[in-house]
Amino acid sequence: MRAHHIASRAARRWYLTVSLPWQRWQSAVSGLYYRRVTAPVGFWCACGQPPAFRPVLPWWQPFVFSYLRITGWLRR
């Protein structure tokens, strides 16, 4: 019984110190990418893609796109 209690405490400590901050970081990066890249491009496509109103993508878009793809937070 004691070994189970120690293991569950270690798992909880791991979750609080590593997993939770990692999920918050991934969520923040994903939200930023959505607000600055995905939403404007989606709105532009929904409006018929007028050339005069093409959204300007930020310089960091390819890097964040690659990061989110590697970590699995961005689907195809």
N, C-alpha and C. Protein backbone atom coordinates (compact mmCIF):
# COMPACT_ATOMS: atom_id res chain seq x y z
N MET A 1 0.81 -1.18 0.00
CA MET A 1 0.00 0.00 0.00
C MET A 1 0.86 1.26 0.00
N ARG A 2 1.94 1.23 0.74
CA ARG A 2 2.80 2.41 0.82
C ARG A 2 3.48 2.69 -0.51
N ALA A 3 3.91 1.65 -1.22
CA ALA A 3 4.56 1.85 -2.52
C ALA A 3 3.59 2.50 -3.51
N HIS A 4 2.35 2.10 -3.46
CA HIS A 4 1.34 2.70 -4.33
C HIS A 4 1.15 4.17 -3.99
N HIS A 5 1.14 4.50 -2.71
CA HIS A 5 0.96 5.88 -2.26
C HIS A 5 2.14 6.74 -2.71
N ILE A 6 3.35 6.23 -2.62
CA ILE A 6 4.53 6.98 -3.03
C ILE A 6 4.53 7.16 -4.54
N ALA A 7 4.15 6.12 -5.28
CA ALA A 7 4.11 6.23 -6.74
C ALA A 7 3.06 7.24 -7.19
N SER A 8 1.91 7.24 -6.57
CA SER A 8 0.87 8.19 -6.96
C SER A 8 1.29 9.62 -6.61
N ARG A 9 2.00 9.79 -5.52
CA ARG A 9 2.48 11.11 -5.15
C ARG A 9 3.54 11.60 -6.15
N ALA A 10 4.41 10.70 -6.59
CA ALA A 10 5.41 11.06 -7.58
C ALA A 10 4.76 11.42 -8.92
N ALA A 11 3.74 10.66 -9.29
CA ALA A 11 3.03 10.96 -10.54
C ALA A 11 2.36 12.32 -10.46
N ARG A 12 1.76 12.64 -9.33
CA ARG A 12 1.12 13.94 -9.16
C ARG A 12 2.14 15.07 -9.20
N ARG A 13 3.28 14.87 -8.57
CA ARG A 13 4.34 15.87 -8.59
C ARG A 13 4.84 16.10 -10.01
N TRP A 14 5.00 15.02 -10.79
CA TRP A 14 5.43 15.14 -12.19
C TRP A 14 4.40 15.94 -12.99
N TYR A 15 3.13 15.64 -12.78
CA TYR A 15 2.07 16.34 -13.50
C TYR A 15 2.08 17.83 -13.18
N LEU A 16 2.24 18.18 -11.92
CA LEU A 16 2.20 19.58 -11.52
C LEU A 16 3.43 20.36 -11.94
N THR A 17 4.60 19.72 -11.98
CA THR A 17 5.82 20.46 -12.28
C THR A 17 6.20 20.45 -13.74
N VAL A 18 5.79 19.42 -14.50
CA VAL A 18 6.21 19.31 -15.89
C VAL A 18 5.03 19.36 -16.86
N SER A 19 4.09 18.49 -16.66
CA SER A 19 3.02 18.32 -17.64
C SER A 19 2.11 19.54 -17.72
N LEU A 20 1.68 20.07 -16.61
CA LEU A 20 0.77 21.20 -16.61
C LEU A 20 1.39 22.45 -17.23
N PRO A 21 2.61 22.86 -16.86
CA PRO A 21 3.22 24.00 -17.53
C PRO A 21 3.44 23.76 -19.03
N TRP A 22 3.78 22.52 -19.41
CA TRP A 22 3.96 22.21 -20.83
C TRP A 22 2.65 22.39 -21.59
N GLN A 23 1.55 21.92 -21.02
CA GLN A 23 0.26 22.08 -21.68
C GLN A 23 -0.15 23.55 -21.77
N ARG A 24 0.15 24.31 -20.74
CA ARG A 24 -0.16 25.75 -20.78
C ARG A 24 0.67 26.44 -21.87
N TRP A 25 1.94 26.10 -21.98
CA TRP A 25 2.81 26.69 -23.00
C TRP A 25 2.30 26.33 -24.40
N GLN A 26 2.00 25.06 -24.62
CA GLN A 26 1.50 24.62 -25.93
C GLN A 26 0.19 25.31 -26.27
N SER A 27 -0.69 25.45 -25.30
CA SER A 27 -1.96 26.11 -25.53
C SER A 27 -1.77 27.59 -25.87
N ALA A 28 -0.84 28.25 -25.20
CA ALA A 28 -0.58 29.66 -25.49
C ALA A 28 -0.01 29.84 -26.89
N VAL A 29 0.93 29.00 -27.27
CA VAL A 29 1.53 29.09 -28.61
C VAL A 29 0.48 28.79 -29.66
N SER A 30 -0.33 27.76 -29.43
CA SER A 30 -1.37 27.40 -30.38
C SER A 30 -2.41 28.52 -30.51
N GLY A 31 -2.78 29.14 -29.42
CA GLY A 31 -3.73 30.25 -29.46
C GLY A 31 -3.18 31.44 -30.20
N LEU A 32 -1.92 31.75 -29.98
CA LEU A 32 -1.28 32.85 -30.70
C LEU A 32 -1.26 32.58 -32.19
N TYR A 33 -0.93 31.34 -32.58
CA TYR A 33 -0.90 30.98 -34.00
C TYR A 33 -2.30 31.09 -34.60
N TYR A 34 -3.30 30.68 -33.86
CA TYR A 34 -4.67 30.77 -34.37
C TYR A 34 -5.09 32.23 -34.56
N ARG A 35 -4.82 33.07 -33.56
CA ARG A 35 -5.24 34.47 -33.64
C ARG A 35 -4.51 35.24 -34.73
N ARG A 36 -3.22 34.98 -34.91
CA ARG A 36 -2.42 35.78 -35.83
C ARG A 36 -2.31 35.20 -37.24
N VAL A 37 -2.58 33.88 -37.41
CA VAL A 37 -2.40 33.26 -38.72
C VAL A 37 -3.67 32.59 -39.20
N THR A 38 -4.18 31.63 -38.47
CA THR A 38 -5.28 30.80 -38.94
C THR A 38 -6.57 31.60 -39.11
N ALA A 39 -6.94 32.39 -38.14
CA ALA A 39 -8.20 33.15 -38.21
C ALA A 39 -8.19 34.17 -39.35
N PRO A 40 -7.13 35.00 -39.50
CA PRO A 40 -7.15 35.95 -40.63
C PRO A 40 -7.17 35.26 -41.99
N VAL A 41 -6.44 34.18 -42.15
CA VAL A 41 -6.44 33.47 -43.43
C VAL A 41 -7.80 32.83 -43.68
N GLY A 42 -8.40 32.26 -42.66
CA GLY A 42 -9.73 31.68 -42.81
C GLY A 42 -10.78 32.72 -43.17
N PHE A 43 -10.70 33.88 -42.55
CA PHE A 43 -11.64 34.96 -42.85
C PHE A 43 -11.44 35.46 -44.27
N TRP A 44 -10.19 35.59 -44.69
CA TRP A 44 -9.87 36.03 -46.05
C TRP A 44 -10.41 35.04 -47.07
N CYS A 45 -10.26 33.75 -46.81
CA CYS A 45 -10.80 32.72 -47.73
C CYS A 45 -12.32 32.76 -47.74
N ALA A 46 -12.95 33.00 -46.60
CA ALA A 46 -14.40 33.05 -46.54
C ALA A 46 -14.96 34.25 -47.29
N CYS A 47 -14.17 35.30 -47.40
CA CYS A 47 -14.61 36.50 -48.11
C CYS A 47 -14.34 36.42 -49.61
N GLY A 48 -13.82 35.32 -50.08
CA GLY A 48 -13.59 35.16 -51.51
C GLY A 48 -12.17 35.44 -51.96
N GLN A 49 -11.24 35.59 -51.06
CA GLN A 49 -9.83 35.81 -51.34
C GLN A 49 -9.56 37.03 -52.22
N PRO A 50 -10.05 38.21 -51.82
CA PRO A 50 -9.75 39.40 -52.63
C PRO A 50 -8.27 39.74 -52.53
N PRO A 51 -7.60 39.96 -53.66
CA PRO A 51 -6.16 40.21 -53.64
C PRO A 51 -5.76 41.47 -52.87
N ALA A 52 -6.64 42.45 -52.82
CA ALA A 52 -6.31 43.70 -52.14
C ALA A 52 -6.28 43.54 -50.63
N PHE A 53 -6.94 42.52 -50.10
CA PHE A 53 -7.04 42.34 -48.65
C PHE A 53 -6.35 41.07 -48.17
N ARG A 54 -5.34 40.63 -48.89
CA ARG A 54 -4.60 39.43 -48.50
C ARG A 54 -3.91 39.69 -47.15
N PRO A 55 -4.07 38.78 -46.19
CA PRO A 55 -3.44 39.00 -44.89
C PRO A 55 -1.92 38.87 -44.98
N VAL A 56 -1.25 39.67 -44.20
CA VAL A 56 0.21 39.61 -44.12
C VAL A 56 0.57 38.70 -42.96
N LEU A 57 1.26 37.62 -43.26
CA LEU A 57 1.62 36.66 -42.21
C LEU A 57 2.86 37.15 -41.47
N PRO A 58 2.93 36.90 -40.17
CA PRO A 58 4.11 37.32 -39.40
C PRO A 58 5.35 36.54 -39.82
N TRP A 59 6.51 37.09 -39.54
CA TRP A 59 7.76 36.47 -39.96
C TRP A 59 7.99 35.14 -39.27
N TRP A 60 7.40 34.93 -38.10
CA TRP A 60 7.63 33.71 -37.32
C TRP A 60 6.67 32.59 -37.68
N GLN A 61 5.77 32.81 -38.62
CA GLN A 61 4.76 31.81 -38.96
C GLN A 61 5.34 30.46 -39.36
N PRO A 62 6.37 30.37 -40.25
CA PRO A 62 6.87 29.04 -40.60
C PRO A 62 7.51 28.30 -39.43
N PHE A 63 8.14 29.04 -38.53
CA PHE A 63 8.80 28.40 -37.39
C PHE A 63 7.77 27.83 -36.42
N VAL A 64 6.75 28.62 -36.11
CA VAL A 64 5.71 28.17 -35.19
C VAL A 64 4.90 27.04 -35.82
N PHE A 65 4.66 27.12 -37.13
CA PHE A 65 3.96 26.05 -37.82
C PHE A 65 4.73 24.75 -37.70
N SER A 66 6.03 24.78 -37.93
CA SER A 66 6.86 23.58 -37.81
C SER A 66 6.86 23.05 -36.37
N TYR A 67 6.97 23.96 -35.41
CA TYR A 67 6.98 23.56 -34.00
C TYR A 67 5.67 22.86 -33.63
N LEU A 68 4.55 23.45 -34.04
CA LEU A 68 3.26 22.85 -33.70
C LEU A 68 3.04 21.53 -34.42
N ARG A 69 3.56 21.38 -35.62
CA ARG A 69 3.44 20.12 -36.34
C ARG A 69 4.28 19.03 -35.66
N ILE A 70 5.49 19.37 -35.26
CA ILE A 70 6.38 18.38 -34.62
C ILE A 70 5.80 17.92 -33.29
N THR A 71 5.25 18.84 -32.52
CA THR A 71 4.71 18.49 -31.21
C THR A 71 3.32 17.87 -31.29
N GLY A 72 2.70 17.90 -32.45
CA GLY A 72 1.41 17.25 -32.64
C GLY A 72 0.20 18.10 -32.29
N TRP A 73 0.38 19.39 -32.11
CA TRP A 73 -0.74 20.25 -31.75
C TRP A 73 -1.41 20.87 -32.96
N LEU A 74 -0.87 20.65 -34.14
CA LEU A 74 -1.46 21.20 -35.36
C LEU A 74 -1.71 20.06 -36.31
N ARG A 75 -2.94 19.95 -36.75
CA ARG A 75 -3.30 18.87 -37.65
C ARG A 75 -3.03 19.27 -39.10
N ARG A 76 -3.10 18.28 -39.97
CA ARG A 76 -2.89 18.55 -41.39
C ARG A 76 -4.06 19.32 -41.97
